[in-house]
Protein backbone atom coordinates (compact mmCIF):
# COMPACT_ATOMS: atom_id res chain seq x y z
CA MET A 1 0.02 -0.16 0.03
CA ALA A 2 1.51 3.74 -0.89
CA SER A 3 2.09 6.06 1.71
CA VAL A 4 -0.19 8.85 1.87
CA GLU A 5 2.98 11.20 0.83
CA SER A 6 3.22 9.28 -2.32
CA ARG A 7 -0.38 9.04 -3.37
CA ALA A 8 -0.14 13.09 -2.76
CA ILE A 9 2.77 12.94 -5.65
CA MET A 10 0.46 11.21 -7.88
CA GLN A 11 -2.57 13.24 -8.26
CA PRO A 12 -3.49 15.10 -10.95
CA VAL A 13 -2.18 18.48 -11.90
CA PRO A 14 -4.71 20.90 -10.62
CA ARG A 15 -6.97 21.92 -13.10
CA PRO A 16 -6.77 25.58 -15.23
CA VAL A 17 -7.77 28.30 -13.12
CA HIS A 18 -10.52 29.52 -15.51
CA ILE A 19 -12.10 26.20 -14.76
CA SER A 20 -11.78 26.54 -10.99
CA GLY A 21 -13.06 29.91 -11.13
CA ARG A 22 -16.23 29.13 -13.47
CA ARG A 23 -17.16 26.14 -10.65
CA LEU A 24 -16.62 28.80 -7.40
CA ARG A 25 -18.81 31.40 -9.54
CA SER A 26 -21.56 28.62 -10.15
CA ALA A 27 -21.11 27.70 -6.49
CA GLU A 28 -22.13 31.47 -5.72
CA ALA A 29 -18.81 31.52 -3.69
CA VAL A 30 -17.15 34.16 -5.53
CA LEU A 31 -18.02 37.17 -7.53
CA ALA A 32 -16.83 38.23 -10.53
CA GLU A 33 -16.26 41.52 -12.14
CA PRO A 34 -14.42 42.59 -15.49
CA ASP A 35 -10.65 43.93 -14.64
CA PRO A 36 -11.36 47.48 -15.84
CA HIS A 37 -7.48 47.77 -16.43
CA ASP A 38 -7.65 44.42 -18.73
CA GLY A 39 -10.42 43.41 -20.44
CA ARG A 40 -9.31 39.85 -20.99
CA ARG A 41 -9.01 39.24 -17.33
CA THR A 42 -11.86 38.58 -14.76
CA LEU A 43 -11.57 39.79 -11.01
CA LEU A 44 -12.78 37.30 -8.60
CA ARG A 45 -13.22 38.15 -5.09
CA ALA A 46 -15.17 36.06 -2.02
CA ALA A 47 -18.59 36.65 -2.09
CA PRO A 48 -20.25 38.43 1.01
CA LYS A 49 -21.85 35.72 2.57
CA PRO A 50 -21.17 32.00 1.56
CA SER A 51 -24.00 30.32 -0.38
CA ARG A 52 -25.84 27.53 0.50
CA ARG A 53 -23.17 25.06 -1.52
CA MET A 54 -20.27 26.33 0.73
CA LYS A 55 -21.87 26.19 3.98
CA ALA A 56 -22.73 22.48 3.02
CA VAL A 57 -19.06 21.98 1.59
CA ARG A 58 -17.90 23.25 5.46
CA GLU A 59 -20.03 21.15 7.22
CA ALA A 60 -19.81 17.88 5.41
CA PRO A 61 -17.41 14.94 7.46
CA LEU A 62 -13.88 14.60 6.16
CA GLY A 63 -14.02 11.10 7.67
CA PRO A 64 -16.05 9.78 4.39
CA ALA A 65 -14.20 11.83 1.97
CA LEU A 66 -10.69 10.64 2.86
CA ALA A 67 -11.49 6.90 2.99
CA ALA A 68 -12.86 7.57 -0.54
CA ALA A 69 -10.00 9.18 -1.43
CA THR A 70 -7.10 6.70 0.18
CA GLY A 71 -8.97 3.85 -0.48
CA ASP A 72 -8.06 2.93 3.29
CA PRO A 73 -10.81 3.90 5.80
CA ASP A 74 -7.98 2.83 8.56
CA GLU A 75 -5.68 5.82 7.90
CA VAL A 76 -8.64 8.31 8.21
CA PRO A 77 -7.62 9.04 12.07
CA ALA A 78 -3.93 9.53 11.16
CA LEU A 79 -5.03 11.58 8.44
CA LEU A 80 -7.53 14.04 10.32
CA GLU A 81 -4.79 13.97 12.95
CA ARG A 82 -2.02 15.34 10.55
CA LEU A 83 -4.84 17.86 8.93
CA SER A 84 -5.51 18.99 12.51
CA ALA A 85 -1.62 19.78 13.56
CA LEU A 86 -0.94 21.51 10.12
CA LEU A 87 -4.11 23.61 11.06
CA ARG A 88 -2.62 24.95 14.47
């Protein structure tokens, strides 16, 4: 079984920014407006209050998502501990 670190290295490259921006706009997590200095660009800023989707994501339990991502539910407690330590 591969370690957590080796699995992290094998993850796909992040999607292009325009796709992430589109998803954030559709989730009402950000507001978009044209850049007044460069019409080719779009400026994104955080929405003043979280959308229902953002609230649902924030309130979702992390354990099942980690178990699905790692393929090994037994790794979840150690991963949660590590995340907790990183956030301190």
